[in-house]
Amino acid sequence: MFSFSPSRHITLTTSLSRRGDPCETGAKRKSTEMNINDGLVAHWKFNGDCRDSSGNDNHGINHGADLAAVGRDGKPYGAARFDGRTAYVEAPLNDALGLVGRNFTLSAWVELPPDGANLHGDILSKYDPATRSGLNLGTLNYAGVTAAQSHHRNLHFGIDNGSQEPAWVDCGRPGNNLRVYSLCVYNGDLYTGTFEWGADEAGHVYRYAGGQTWADCGSPDQSNTVASLAVYRGDLYAGTSCYRAGGSALEDSPNKHPGGAIYRYLGDSNWEYCGRLEGADSIAGMAVYNGELYAIPLYSQGVFRYLGGEEWAYCGTPGRRMMAITVFKRHLYGAGNEGGGVFRYDGGADWTPVGFQEGVTQVYSFAVYQGELYVGTWPNGTVFRWDGHETWESVGRLEDEKEVMAMAVYNGKLYAGTLPLANVYRYEGGAMWTNTGQLDTTPDVKYRRVWSMAIFEGKLFGGTLPSGRVYAMEAGANVTYDHALAAGWHHLAAVREGNQLRLYVNGAEVAATGETTRVPQYIANNLPLRIGLGQHDHFNGSLADVRVHGRALSSDEIAALRQAT
C-alpha cells in the first residue's frame, strides 16, 4: 500500500491530464498546461485572519483560534493555533465547498506539538452523522480502547455517503488465543496481544500479515496474557497479565505465572524488560499523557508512571481498581471498577471523582466523539456521555447487551463492541444504535466479547473472545497513515480522484485505496466545512495554508505545492 519517494522540485506550471467529467475514470483526456491554482475553491492562509484568498469569498468564521500564532518561519501571524478544547474555524455552506460528485484535494501545513495533555484531533471535516455523508481528515490518537492505546499520532482520510452497510470479514486467529486482548497500530503494522489458555502456553504478541495470517512476535514473559499495548517515544510497549478467565465465564488457565510487567519491543521476537508495577500480577491498560507513559494494574489499585529503565513511580489511587485510562482535554482520566465512576488525575498522588453513572458498577472503556468524552459500562450495556462537570447522560443501551467494551470513532461514527453476544454497534445519535453484526458466534458459551478495536489500512478491526479471531470492515472509503507523525510541521494532502483516495505526507504518497475499494461518488450534506474540529475531537496544534481544490492534484503538483508554501 505504501509508496515512498523523495519530493522533487518542479515549477508551479506542470503538464498533466484534465478530465472532462472529474469522476468519470474512463473519460477522454488531453494534455494541457495547468497552473497549480487552477480549480482552487478556497485558500485560508491564516496570516492574521480567516479570509479566503482564492477569490471565491469562502471566508471563515473564527471560533476561538489564535490567528496571531507563530508560523513555519518562526514569526507571528503565520498560522492559526487551535487549543484542542473549543477552538475551530467554520467555512460557509455553499455548493463549491460541498464537493458534490467531483474530484477534490485537501491540503494544509499542519504543526503537531510534542506529546502533551491533549489529543490532536480533526484537521478538516464536512460530515453529516445523520446521513453518514461527507468527508473526514484528522489524526488518530486513541487511549482507553479497553486495555490498549490503539493509536498514537496516526492519520486518517475517509469519505462516505451512507448508501451501503459495511460487512465484517474474518481476518484470522492469531496463534492459539482465546481473547484478542489488545490491538495497536505501530510503525506501519497492526499488532495484537493475546490470552493463551494452555498450561504450557503464554501470551503472545502477533503482527498482522494480511488475509488471515499473523506473524508471531514472541512472548515477553511466561504469563498467560499480553493484555496492554501502547506506543511511547517511537517504541511499542506491552504489559503482561495472569488473566483470570473466570471473569469471562471460562475455566481459568492452569498457567499461573504472574504478569504485571512492562516490556519494550526490540524487533523479531525480542523484548526488553522495563520493570514491574508494585504489587501487581496483571496489567489493565497503558496511555501516554504529557509525554510520559502511565500504566494501571488489573487486579489491584494504583496508577504508575514510567521513569525509564526498570523504574515506575506510584501516582496514587482513586480508592478502587480501574479498567482503563485515557487522555481528554488536558487531563488523564481513569475508568472505575468496584462501583463505576470516572476519576481525574490532578498530579502527585491526587485523584478527583468527576461523577458516577446511574446503575453502573464497572466502566470499561473511553472514546472521544464530537469533542466529548464517552464511556462504555456494565451491567446494562449502556454508553454515557460526560457533561464536563459531575453528570453523565445515558446515550442509550445497546439492545439487550450487558457490557460495552471497545469503542472507536471511525470515518465519522462511533462504534462499540459488546458482551454477551459480541456485537458491534454504530451510534446514530440521541439514544439510537444500529447493530452492524455479530463477530463471535461460538456456541454453548455464556459470554462472547468484542474487547479490542483499532483502525488500520483504512479499515476498522475488532478482536473477540472466546473465538480469538479478528474481524475487519470498511465504512465508505478510507486511507490511513499507520505511522506516528513526528512533532513539528508537516505538509498533508488528501486526494479523491474517481474511484481512488490518496494520502500524502510531506509531498510523498503514503497510502491509497486498492482496486477493490468502492469509493462513493456523491458525498453531499447540508453542513458547513469545519477546520480544526470534526467527529472525533478539536484539533490541538497549528494550521497554515489550508487549501481546497475542486480537482485531483497530481503527485507532482502536490510536491510543487509543498515546495511553494
Protein backbone atom coordinates (compact mmCIF):
# COMPACT_ATOMS: atom_id res chain seq x y z
CA MET A 1 0.00 0.00 0.00
CA PHE A 2 2.78 2.42 0.82
CA SER A 3 4.98 4.11 -1.75
CA PHE A 4 7.65 6.47 -0.52
CA SER A 5 9.70 8.78 -2.73
CA PRO A 6 11.59 12.00 -2.08
CA SER A 7 9.90 15.24 -3.08
CA ARG A 8 11.22 16.76 -6.34
CA HIS A 9 11.30 20.47 -7.05
CA ILE A 10 9.23 21.35 -10.11
CA THR A 11 7.83 24.59 -11.45
CA LEU A 12 4.36 25.71 -10.49
CA THR A 13 3.15 25.02 -14.01
CA THR A 14 3.08 21.34 -14.88
CA SER A 15 1.88 19.16 -17.74
CA LEU A 16 -0.94 16.77 -16.81
CA SER A 17 -4.27 15.39 -17.99
CA ARG A 18 -7.57 17.13 -17.26
CA ARG A 19 -10.75 15.11 -17.01
CA GLY A 20 -13.87 16.29 -18.77
CA ASP A 21 -16.00 14.70 -16.03
CA PRO A 22 -13.69 14.50 -12.98
CA CYS A 23 -15.49 11.47 -11.54
CA GLU A 24 -15.56 9.52 -14.79
CA THR A 25 -12.40 7.44 -14.74
CA GLY A 26 -12.72 6.41 -18.40
CA ALA A 27 -13.18 9.94 -19.75
CA LYS A 28 -11.06 11.09 -22.66
CA ARG A 29 -8.06 13.13 -21.55
CA LYS A 30 -5.91 15.72 -23.20
CA SER A 31 -2.58 17.14 -22.12
CA THR A 32 -2.57 20.81 -21.15
CA GLU A 33 -0.55 23.35 -19.23
CA MET A 34 -2.23 23.88 -15.87
CA ASN A 35 -1.32 26.27 -13.05
CA ILE A 36 -1.23 24.88 -9.52
CA ASN A 37 -4.03 27.28 -8.53
CA ASP A 38 -6.44 26.08 -11.23
CA GLY A 39 -9.53 24.65 -9.60
CA LEU A 40 -8.79 26.35 -6.27
CA VAL A 41 -12.08 26.58 -4.35
CA ALA A 42 -10.79 28.03 -1.07
CA HIS A 43 -7.47 29.10 0.42
CA TRP A 44 -7.16 30.09 4.07
CA LYS A 45 -3.62 31.33 4.63
CA PHE A 46 -4.25 32.07 8.33
CA ASN A 47 -1.87 35.01 8.29
CA GLY A 48 -3.77 37.03 10.86
CA ASP A 49 -7.34 36.37 9.68
CA CYS A 50 -9.69 33.69 8.31
CA ARG A 51 -10.18 35.22 4.90
CA ASP A 52 -10.29 33.10 1.76
CA SER A 53 -7.62 34.32 -0.67
CA SER A 54 -8.86 32.22 -3.61
CA GLY A 55 -11.19 34.98 -4.77
CA ASN A 56 -14.28 32.86 -4.09
CA ASP A 57 -15.26 34.63 -0.84
CA ASN A 58 -15.32 31.45 1.27
CA HIS A 59 -14.23 33.45 4.29
CA GLY A 60 -14.06 31.55 7.55
CA ILE A 61 -15.76 32.36 10.84
CA ASN A 62 -13.38 32.09 13.76
CA HIS A 63 -14.46 30.33 16.93
CA GLY A 64 -11.56 30.93 19.28
CA ALA A 65 -8.49 30.05 17.19
CA ASP A 66 -5.40 32.19 17.81
CA LEU A 67 -4.86 33.96 14.48
CA ALA A 68 -1.61 35.57 15.62
CA ALA A 69 0.14 32.22 16.07
CA VAL A 70 3.73 31.61 15.02
CA GLY A 71 4.08 30.13 11.55
CA ARG A 72 6.65 27.87 9.94
CA ASP A 73 9.07 30.78 9.62
CA GLY A 74 9.03 31.35 13.39
CA LYS A 75 7.21 34.67 13.05
CA PRO A 76 3.76 35.61 14.44
CA TYR A 77 0.70 35.89 12.21
CA GLY A 78 1.84 32.89 10.22
CA ALA A 79 -0.69 30.26 11.37
CA ALA A 80 -3.88 29.61 13.31
CA ARG A 81 -3.36 27.92 16.69
CA PHE A 82 -6.10 25.56 17.87
CA ASP A 83 -6.26 24.75 21.59
CA GLY A 84 -7.67 21.20 21.40
CA ARG A 85 -10.57 22.22 23.63
CA THR A 86 -13.03 24.62 21.98
CA ALA A 87 -11.39 26.42 19.03
CA TYR A 88 -12.30 25.87 15.38
CA VAL A 89 -12.99 27.78 12.16
CA GLU A 90 -16.18 27.31 10.17
CA ALA A 91 -16.47 27.93 6.44
CA PRO A 92 -19.78 28.90 4.84
CA LEU A 93 -22.15 26.35 3.39
CA ASN A 94 -22.17 26.58 -0.42
CA ASP A 95 -22.17 24.36 -3.49
CA ALA A 96 -18.48 24.88 -4.26
CA LEU A 97 -17.35 23.66 -0.83
CA GLY A 98 -19.87 20.81 -1.00
CA LEU A 99 -17.53 18.97 -3.40
CA VAL A 100 -20.55 17.09 -4.70
CA GLY A 101 -19.84 14.45 -7.31
CA ARG A 102 -16.38 15.71 -8.14
CA ASN A 103 -12.73 15.07 -7.53
CA PHE A 104 -11.06 17.21 -4.91
CA THR A 105 -7.85 17.80 -2.98
CA LEU A 106 -7.49 18.95 0.62
CA SER A 107 -4.09 20.24 1.71
CA ALA A 108 -2.56 22.06 4.67
CA TRP A 109 0.57 22.70 6.63
CA VAL A 110 -0.03 21.05 9.99
CA GLU A 111 2.01 21.54 13.16
CA LEU A 112 1.68 18.86 15.83
CA PRO A 113 3.11 19.72 19.26
CA PRO A 114 5.10 17.13 21.22
CA ASP A 115 3.12 14.58 23.24
CA GLY A 116 1.21 16.59 25.79
CA ALA A 117 -2.02 16.72 27.73
CA ASN A 118 -4.32 16.95 24.69
CA LEU A 119 -5.27 14.74 21.78
CA HIS A 120 -4.50 16.08 18.30
CA GLY A 121 -8.00 15.74 16.83
CA ASP A 122 -9.50 16.61 13.45
CA ILE A 123 -7.99 18.80 10.74
CA LEU A 124 -10.86 19.17 8.22
CA SER A 125 -14.38 17.80 8.34
CA LYS A 126 -17.57 18.16 6.35
CA TYR A 127 -19.66 15.29 7.56
CA ASP A 128 -23.29 14.67 8.50
CA PRO A 129 -23.58 11.81 11.04
CA ALA A 130 -27.33 11.52 10.42
CA THR A 131 -26.83 10.51 6.78
CA ARG A 132 -23.25 9.23 7.12
CA SER A 133 -22.31 11.52 4.24
CA GLY A 134 -19.24 13.67 3.81
CA LEU A 135 -15.51 13.69 4.42
CA ASN A 136 -13.17 13.38 7.41
CA LEU A 137 -9.46 14.23 7.67
CA GLY A 138 -7.71 14.06 11.01
CA THR A 139 -5.38 12.35 13.42
CA LEU A 140 -5.99 9.16 15.38
CA ASN A 141 -4.76 9.17 18.98
CA TYR A 142 -6.97 6.76 20.93
CA ALA A 143 -6.34 5.63 24.51
CA GLY A 144 -8.68 3.67 26.75
CA VAL A 145 -9.89 1.34 23.98
CA THR A 146 -10.25 -1.04 26.90
CA ALA A 147 -6.67 -2.21 27.57
CA ALA A 148 -4.86 -0.60 24.63
CA GLN A 149 -3.73 2.74 23.39
CA SER A 150 -4.60 1.66 19.86
CA HIS A 151 -3.37 4.77 18.03
CA HIS A 152 -0.63 7.32 18.54
CA ARG A 153 -0.41 10.27 16.11
CA ASN A 154 -1.71 8.31 13.08
CA LEU A 155 -3.58 9.94 10.17
CA HIS A 156 -6.97 9.14 8.61
CA PHE A 157 -8.82 10.35 5.49
CA GLY A 158 -12.25 8.98 4.63
CA ILE A 159 -15.45 9.72 2.72
CA ASP A 160 -18.90 8.13 2.80
CA ASN A 161 -22.45 8.66 1.59
CA GLY A 162 -24.25 6.16 3.82
CA SER A 163 -25.55 4.15 0.87
CA GLN A 164 -24.20 0.76 1.94
CA GLU A 165 -23.95 -1.16 5.19
CA PRO A 166 -20.42 -2.48 5.76
CA ALA A 167 -19.74 -6.22 6.01
CA TRP A 168 -17.34 -7.76 8.53
CA VAL A 169 -14.58 -10.01 7.13
CA ASP A 170 -12.71 -12.71 9.06
CA CYS A 171 -9.00 -11.81 9.40
CA GLY A 172 -7.95 -14.98 11.17
CA ARG A 173 -6.99 -16.21 14.60
CA PRO A 174 -3.60 -15.11 15.96
CA GLY A 175 -1.93 -18.20 17.41
CA ASN A 176 -3.95 -20.36 19.80
CA ASN A 177 -5.55 -17.48 21.67
CA LEU A 178 -8.98 -17.27 23.26
CA ARG A 179 -9.01 -13.49 23.64
CA VAL A 180 -7.67 -10.76 21.37
CA TYR A 181 -6.85 -8.54 24.31
CA SER A 182 -5.26 -5.56 22.54
CA LEU A 183 -4.98 -4.13 19.05
CA CYS A 184 -2.40 -1.42 18.37
CA VAL A 185 -1.01 0.30 15.27
CA TYR A 186 2.76 0.69 15.33
CA ASN A 187 5.29 1.63 12.64
CA GLY A 188 3.05 0.74 9.71
CA ASP A 189 1.72 -2.55 11.12
CA LEU A 190 -1.15 -3.83 13.25
CA TYR A 191 -0.20 -5.73 16.42
CA THR A 192 -2.25 -7.73 18.88
CA GLY A 193 -1.66 -9.02 22.39
CA THR A 194 -3.41 -12.28 23.30
CA PHE A 195 -4.62 -14.57 26.09
CA GLU A 196 -3.48 -18.18 25.55
CA TRP A 197 -5.09 -20.68 27.89
CA GLY A 198 -2.86 -23.81 27.99
CA ALA A 199 -0.60 -24.82 30.87
CA ASP A 200 2.45 -24.68 28.60
CA GLU A 201 1.31 -21.62 26.67
CA ALA A 202 1.97 -17.94 27.24
CA GLY A 203 0.50 -14.68 26.00
CA HIS A 204 1.94 -13.58 22.66
CA VAL A 205 2.22 -10.51 20.51
CA TYR A 206 1.37 -11.02 16.83
CA ARG A 207 1.73 -8.79 13.80
CA TYR A 208 -0.94 -8.82 11.08
CA ALA A 209 0.47 -10.14 7.79
CA GLY A 210 -2.69 -9.80 5.67
CA GLY A 211 -5.57 -12.09 4.84
CA GLN A 212 -5.93 -14.43 7.82
CA THR A 213 -2.21 -14.60 8.59
CA TRP A 214 -0.49 -13.35 11.75
CA ALA A 215 3.27 -13.36 12.37
CA ASP A 216 4.44 -14.38 15.84
CA CYS A 217 6.44 -11.66 17.64
CA GLY A 218 7.11 -13.75 20.71
CA SER A 219 6.09 -13.90 24.36
CA PRO A 220 7.57 -11.21 26.61
CA ASP A 221 7.29 -13.48 29.68
CA GLN A 222 5.65 -16.72 30.86
CA SER A 223 2.30 -15.23 31.94
CA ASN A 224 -0.80 -16.27 30.03
CA THR A 225 -1.67 -12.85 28.58
CA VAL A 226 -0.23 -9.82 26.84
CA ALA A 227 -3.02 -7.51 27.92
CA SER A 228 -2.00 -3.98 27.00
CA LEU A 229 -0.16 -2.37 24.08
CA ALA A 230 0.90 1.27 23.63
CA VAL A 231 3.33 3.29 21.52
CA TYR A 232 5.63 5.56 23.51
CA ARG A 233 8.55 7.64 22.20
CA GLY A 234 8.68 5.64 19.00
CA ASP A 235 8.64 2.19 20.60
CA LEU A 236 5.97 -0.45 21.17
CA TYR A 237 5.36 -1.40 24.82
CA ALA A 238 3.48 -4.43 26.13
CA GLY A 239 2.02 -5.13 29.57
CA THR A 240 1.56 -8.74 30.71
CA SER A 241 -1.06 -10.37 32.90
CA CYS A 242 -2.08 -13.52 34.68
CA TYR A 243 -5.64 -13.32 33.37
CA ARG A 244 -8.41 -14.98 35.39
CA ALA A 245 -10.69 -16.30 32.68
CA GLY A 246 -13.50 -16.93 35.15
CA GLY A 247 -14.39 -13.27 34.67
CA SER A 248 -15.47 -14.21 31.15
CA ALA A 249 -17.30 -17.36 32.34
CA LEU A 250 -14.47 -19.59 31.08
CA GLU A 251 -12.37 -22.09 33.01
CA ASP A 252 -9.30 -20.43 34.50
CA SER A 253 -5.99 -21.12 32.79
CA PRO A 254 -3.68 -23.62 34.52
CA ASN A 255 -0.82 -21.19 33.72
CA LYS A 256 -0.47 -19.16 36.94
CA HIS A 257 2.79 -17.35 36.16
CA PRO A 258 2.42 -13.74 37.31
CA GLY A 259 2.41 -10.86 34.87
CA GLY A 260 2.34 -7.24 35.93
CA ALA A 261 5.47 -6.36 33.95
CA ILE A 262 6.08 -3.95 31.08
CA TYR A 263 8.32 -4.75 28.08
CA ARG A 264 9.67 -2.80 25.11
CA TYR A 265 9.67 -4.43 21.69
CA LEU A 266 13.12 -4.83 20.08
CA GLY A 267 12.01 -6.48 16.83
CA ASP A 268 11.51 -10.07 15.65
CA SER A 269 10.55 -11.93 18.86
CA ASN A 270 12.78 -9.95 21.23
CA TRP A 271 11.56 -7.95 24.22
CA GLU A 272 13.35 -5.81 26.82
CA TYR A 273 12.17 -5.90 30.44
CA CYS A 274 11.13 -2.43 31.67
CA GLY A 275 10.08 -3.18 35.22
CA ARG A 276 7.03 -4.29 37.13
CA LEU A 277 4.16 -2.41 38.77
CA GLU A 278 4.48 -2.75 42.53
CA GLY A 279 2.14 -5.38 43.97
CA ALA A 280 0.63 -6.25 40.57
CA ASP A 281 0.44 -9.57 38.75
CA SER A 282 -1.56 -8.17 35.82
CA ILE A 283 -1.73 -5.04 33.66
CA ALA A 284 -5.08 -3.44 32.79
CA GLY A 285 -4.01 -0.61 30.49
CA MET A 286 -1.45 1.99 29.40
CA ALA A 287 -1.59 5.51 27.96
CA VAL A 288 0.78 8.34 27.08
CA TYR A 289 -0.04 11.58 28.90
CA ASN A 290 2.03 14.78 28.97
CA GLY A 291 4.88 12.97 27.25
CA GLU A 292 5.08 10.18 29.84
CA LEU A 293 3.87 6.57 29.92
CA TYR A 294 1.28 5.58 32.55
CA ALA A 295 0.05 2.10 33.45
CA ILE A 296 -2.57 0.56 35.73
CA PRO A 297 -2.84 -2.95 37.23
CA LEU A 298 -5.89 -5.16 36.65
CA TYR A 299 -6.49 -6.86 40.00
CA SER A 300 -5.10 -4.25 42.38
CA GLN A 301 -5.27 -0.49 42.86
CA GLY A 302 -2.82 2.16 41.78
CA VAL A 303 -1.55 4.19 38.85
CA PHE A 304 2.13 4.24 37.88
CA ARG A 305 4.33 6.49 35.73
CA TYR A 306 7.37 5.18 33.86
CA LEU A 307 10.68 6.75 34.95
CA GLY A 308 12.89 4.87 32.50
CA GLY A 309 14.97 1.72 32.81
CA GLU A 310 13.02 -0.56 35.15
CA GLU A 311 11.62 2.17 37.42
CA TRP A 312 7.98 3.14 37.92
CA ALA A 313 6.64 5.88 40.21
CA TYR A 314 3.42 5.41 42.19
CA CYS A 315 0.81 8.06 41.32
CA GLY A 316 -1.87 7.25 43.87
CA THR A 317 -5.28 5.63 43.55
CA PRO A 318 -8.87 6.90 43.42
CA GLY A 319 -9.76 4.26 46.00
CA ARG A 320 -10.73 1.48 43.65
CA ARG A 321 -9.39 -0.61 40.80
CA MET A 322 -9.52 0.88 37.33
CA MET A 323 -10.16 -0.80 33.99
CA ALA A 324 -8.84 1.79 31.50
CA ILE A 325 -7.10 5.17 31.31
CA THR A 326 -7.38 7.90 28.69
CA VAL A 327 -6.39 11.47 27.86
CA PHE A 328 -9.02 14.19 27.41
CA LYS A 329 -8.83 18.00 27.43
CA ARG A 330 -5.54 18.33 29.30
CA HIS A 331 -6.14 15.62 31.92
CA LEU A 332 -5.59 11.90 32.48
CA TYR A 333 -8.76 10.01 33.40
CA GLY A 334 -9.37 6.56 34.84
CA ALA A 335 -12.39 4.25 34.47
CA GLY A 336 -13.62 2.88 37.78
CA ASN A 337 -14.30 -0.72 38.68
CA GLU A 338 -15.87 -1.71 42.03
CA GLY A 339 -18.64 0.89 41.80
CA GLY A 340 -18.09 2.62 38.48
CA GLY A 341 -17.33 6.30 38.12
CA VAL A 342 -14.62 8.24 36.29
CA PHE A 343 -11.67 9.91 38.04
CA ARG A 344 -9.34 12.75 37.04
CA TYR A 345 -5.65 12.75 37.82
CA ASP A 346 -4.56 16.03 39.46
CA GLY A 347 -0.85 15.29 39.81
CA GLY A 348 1.24 13.75 42.58
CA ALA A 349 -0.97 11.06 44.06
CA ASP A 350 -4.24 13.01 43.82
CA TRP A 351 -7.37 11.83 42.03
CA THR A 352 -10.75 13.59 41.86
CA PRO A 353 -14.07 11.89 41.06
CA VAL A 354 -15.87 13.53 38.13
CA GLY A 355 -19.17 11.73 38.54
CA PHE A 356 -20.82 8.34 38.54
CA GLN A 357 -23.12 6.68 36.03
CA GLU A 358 -26.57 5.56 37.14
CA GLY A 359 -26.82 1.80 37.68
CA VAL A 360 -23.16 1.21 36.75
CA THR A 361 -20.68 -0.89 38.72
CA GLN A 362 -17.87 -1.08 36.13
CA VAL A 363 -16.61 1.36 33.49
CA TYR A 364 -14.67 -0.46 30.78
CA SER A 365 -13.70 1.95 28.02
CA PHE A 366 -13.38 5.52 26.79
CA ALA A 367 -13.92 7.28 23.45
CA VAL A 368 -13.78 10.93 22.44
CA TYR A 369 -16.58 11.64 19.95
CA GLN A 370 -17.60 15.08 18.63
CA GLY A 371 -15.30 16.66 21.20
CA GLU A 372 -16.95 14.97 24.19
CA LEU A 373 -15.99 12.05 26.44
CA TYR A 374 -17.97 8.79 26.29
CA VAL A 375 -17.69 5.63 28.41
CA GLY A 376 -18.82 2.02 27.98
CA THR A 377 -20.27 0.27 31.06
CA TRP A 378 -21.57 -2.83 32.84
CA PRO A 379 -24.16 -4.28 33.75
CA ASN A 380 -26.79 -2.69 31.49
CA GLY A 381 -24.81 -2.36 28.26
CA THR A 382 -25.14 1.43 28.26
CA VAL A 383 -22.93 4.20 26.88
CA PHE A 384 -22.76 7.50 28.78
CA ARG A 385 -21.61 10.99 27.76
CA TRP A 386 -19.97 13.37 30.23
CA ASP A 387 -21.35 16.90 30.61
CA GLY A 388 -17.99 18.22 31.83
CA HIS A 389 -19.00 18.54 35.48
CA GLU A 390 -20.21 15.54 37.51
CA THR A 391 -23.16 14.44 35.38
CA TRP A 392 -23.15 11.56 32.92
CA GLU A 393 -26.02 11.30 30.45
CA SER A 394 -27.09 7.96 29.03
CA VAL A 395 -26.96 7.87 25.24
CA GLY A 396 -28.69 4.52 25.06
CA ARG A 397 -28.49 0.85 25.83
CA LEU A 398 -27.17 -1.37 23.05
CA GLU A 399 -30.28 -3.59 22.69
CA ASP A 400 -30.17 -6.29 25.40
CA GLU A 401 -26.40 -6.33 25.84
CA LYS A 402 -24.87 -6.22 29.32
CA GLU A 403 -21.43 -4.72 28.78
CA VAL A 404 -19.86 -2.18 26.42
CA MET A 405 -16.15 -2.64 25.87
CA ALA A 406 -14.03 -1.41 22.94
CA MET A 407 -15.17 1.89 21.41
CA ALA A 408 -13.64 3.76 18.47
CA VAL A 409 -14.51 6.68 16.20
CA TYR A 410 -14.17 5.56 12.59
CA ASN A 411 -14.91 7.65 9.49
CA GLY A 412 -17.23 9.96 11.37
CA LYS A 413 -19.15 7.48 13.52
CA LEU A 414 -18.76 6.00 17.00
CA TYR A 415 -18.64 2.18 17.20
CA ALA A 416 -18.91 -0.01 20.30
CA GLY A 417 -18.34 -3.72 21.00
CA THR A 418 -20.45 -5.71 23.45
CA LEU A 419 -20.94 -8.70 25.74
CA PRO A 420 -22.58 -11.28 25.85
CA LEU A 421 -23.25 -11.51 22.09
CA ALA A 422 -20.08 -9.86 20.70
CA ASN A 423 -21.98 -7.42 18.51
CA VAL A 424 -20.61 -4.15 17.17
CA TYR A 425 -22.99 -1.19 17.24
CA ARG A 426 -22.85 2.16 15.45
CA TYR A 427 -24.10 5.26 17.28
CA GLU A 428 -26.83 7.15 15.42
CA GLY A 429 -27.36 10.00 17.89
CA GLY A 430 -29.78 10.51 20.77
CA ALA A 431 -30.18 7.05 22.29
CA MET A 432 -30.16 5.15 18.99
CA TRP A 433 -27.68 2.44 17.98
CA THR A 434 -27.50 0.21 14.89
CA ASN A 435 -26.16 -3.34 15.11
CA THR A 436 -23.52 -3.82 12.37
CA GLY A 437 -23.03 -7.52 13.05
CA GLN A 438 -22.10 -10.28 15.48
CA LEU A 439 -18.38 -11.07 15.38
CA ASP A 440 -18.21 -14.12 17.65
CA THR A 441 -20.77 -16.91 17.29
CA THR A 442 -19.04 -19.55 19.42
CA PRO A 443 -21.79 -21.98 20.57
CA ASP A 444 -22.52 -23.09 24.12
CA VAL A 445 -20.76 -20.26 25.96
CA LYS A 446 -22.20 -17.69 28.35
CA TYR A 447 -20.19 -14.68 27.22
CA ARG A 448 -18.78 -13.50 23.92
CA ARG A 449 -16.84 -10.22 23.74
CA VAL A 450 -15.67 -7.65 21.22
CA TRP A 451 -12.95 -6.43 23.53
CA SER A 452 -10.45 -4.62 21.28
CA MET A 453 -10.58 -2.25 18.28
CA ALA A 454 -8.16 -0.39 16.00
CA ILE A 455 -8.18 1.31 12.59
CA PHE A 456 -5.59 0.01 10.14
CA GLU A 457 -5.13 0.31 6.37
CA GLY A 458 -8.40 2.23 6.26
CA LYS A 459 -10.48 -0.47 7.99
CA LEU A 460 -11.95 -0.92 11.46
CA PHE A 461 -10.66 -4.08 13.18
CA GLY A 462 -12.27 -5.83 16.16
CA GLY A 463 -10.89 -8.61 18.36
CA THR A 464 -13.03 -11.25 20.09
CA LEU A 465 -13.38 -13.73 22.96
CA PRO A 466 -13.61 -16.77 23.08
CA SER A 467 -13.03 -17.47 19.37
CA GLY A 468 -9.83 -15.40 19.49
CA ARG A 469 -10.46 -14.13 15.98
CA VAL A 470 -10.03 -10.69 14.43
CA TYR A 471 -12.55 -9.17 12.02
CA ALA A 472 -12.46 -6.03 9.85
CA MET A 473 -14.87 -3.86 7.88
CA GLU A 474 -14.78 -0.66 5.84
CA ALA A 475 -17.44 2.07 6.02
CA GLY A 476 -17.28 4.20 2.88
CA ALA A 477 -13.73 4.55 1.56
CA ASN A 478 -10.72 5.27 3.75
CA VAL A 479 -6.94 5.56 3.78
CA THR A 480 -4.68 5.78 6.83
CA TYR A 481 -1.07 6.63 7.52
CA ASP A 482 -0.21 3.92 10.03
CA HIS A 483 2.97 5.54 11.34
CA ALA A 484 3.27 8.05 14.17
CA LEU A 485 3.59 11.59 12.85
CA ALA A 486 6.56 13.31 14.46
CA ALA A 487 6.17 16.57 16.32
CA GLY A 488 6.60 19.66 14.16
CA TRP A 489 5.34 20.88 10.80
CA HIS A 490 4.12 18.53 8.06
CA HIS A 491 2.54 19.18 4.69
CA LEU A 492 -0.50 16.92 4.36
CA ALA A 493 -2.72 16.35 1.34
CA ALA A 494 -5.77 14.14 0.79
CA VAL A 495 -6.97 13.44 -2.77
CA ARG A 496 -10.14 11.92 -4.13
CA GLU A 497 -9.81 11.02 -7.83
CA GLY A 498 -12.53 8.92 -9.40
CA ASN A 499 -12.50 5.55 -7.68
CA GLN A 500 -9.42 6.17 -5.57
CA LEU A 501 -8.37 8.03 -2.42
CA ARG A 502 -4.73 9.01 -1.88
CA LEU A 503 -2.92 10.40 1.14
CA TYR A 504 0.33 12.41 1.06
CA VAL A 505 2.74 13.34 3.85
CA ASN A 506 5.44 15.91 3.08
CA GLY A 507 4.96 15.55 -0.67
CA ALA A 508 5.16 11.74 -0.80
CA GLU A 509 2.20 9.42 -1.39
CA VAL A 510 1.92 7.22 1.70
CA ALA A 511 -1.41 5.43 1.21
CA ALA A 512 -4.02 4.76 -1.47
CA THR A 513 -7.19 2.72 -1.73
CA GLY A 514 -6.95 -0.59 -3.54
CA GLU A 515 -8.63 -1.62 -6.76
CA THR A 516 -11.49 -3.39 -4.96
CA THR A 517 -12.49 -0.42 -2.80
CA ARG A 518 -15.79 1.17 -3.73
CA VAL A 519 -15.35 4.94 -3.45
CA PRO A 520 -18.67 6.81 -3.01
CA GLN A 521 -19.25 9.30 -5.82
CA TYR A 522 -21.67 11.74 -4.16
CA ILE A 523 -20.99 12.80 -0.58
CA ALA A 524 -23.37 15.78 -0.30
CA ASN A 525 -24.62 17.12 3.02
CA ASN A 526 -26.05 20.36 4.35
CA LEU A 527 -23.42 21.04 6.99
CA PRO A 528 -20.56 23.56 6.76
CA LEU A 529 -16.92 22.66 6.40
CA ARG A 530 -15.03 22.91 9.68
CA ILE A 531 -11.33 23.45 10.18
CA GLY A 532 -9.89 22.17 13.45
CA LEU A 533 -12.98 20.22 14.51
CA GLY A 534 -14.70 17.07 13.33
CA GLN A 535 -16.40 13.91 14.50
CA HIS A 536 -13.53 12.94 16.77
CA ASP A 537 -12.20 15.99 18.61
CA HIS A 538 -10.99 19.58 18.48
CA PHE A 539 -7.59 19.93 16.85
CA ASN A 540 -4.56 20.57 19.05
CA GLY A 541 -1.81 22.32 17.12
CA SER A 542 -1.40 24.89 14.35
CA LEU A 543 -2.64 25.04 10.76
CA ALA A 544 -1.49 27.22 7.86
CA ASP A 545 -2.05 27.46 4.12
CA VAL A 546 -5.22 25.35 4.15
CA ARG A 547 -6.48 24.76 0.61
CA VAL A 548 -9.42 23.06 -1.08
CA HIS A 549 -9.12 22.27 -4.78
CA GLY A 550 -12.13 21.17 -6.80
CA ARG A 551 -9.99 18.71 -8.72
CA ALA A 552 -7.47 15.96 -8.04
CA LEU A 553 -3.94 17.32 -7.89
CA SER A 554 -1.26 15.03 -9.28
CA SER A 555 1.65 13.78 -7.20
CA ASP A 556 3.94 16.28 -8.93
CA GLU A 557 1.57 19.12 -8.20
CA ILE A 558 1.37 18.20 -4.53
CA ALA A 559 5.16 18.10 -4.34
CA ALA A 560 5.24 21.51 -6.04
CA LEU A 561 2.61 22.88 -3.67
CA ARG A 562 4.70 21.80 -0.70
CA GLN A 563 7.78 23.48 -2.16
CA ALA A 564 5.85 26.66 -2.96
CA THR A 565 4.47 27.14 0.52
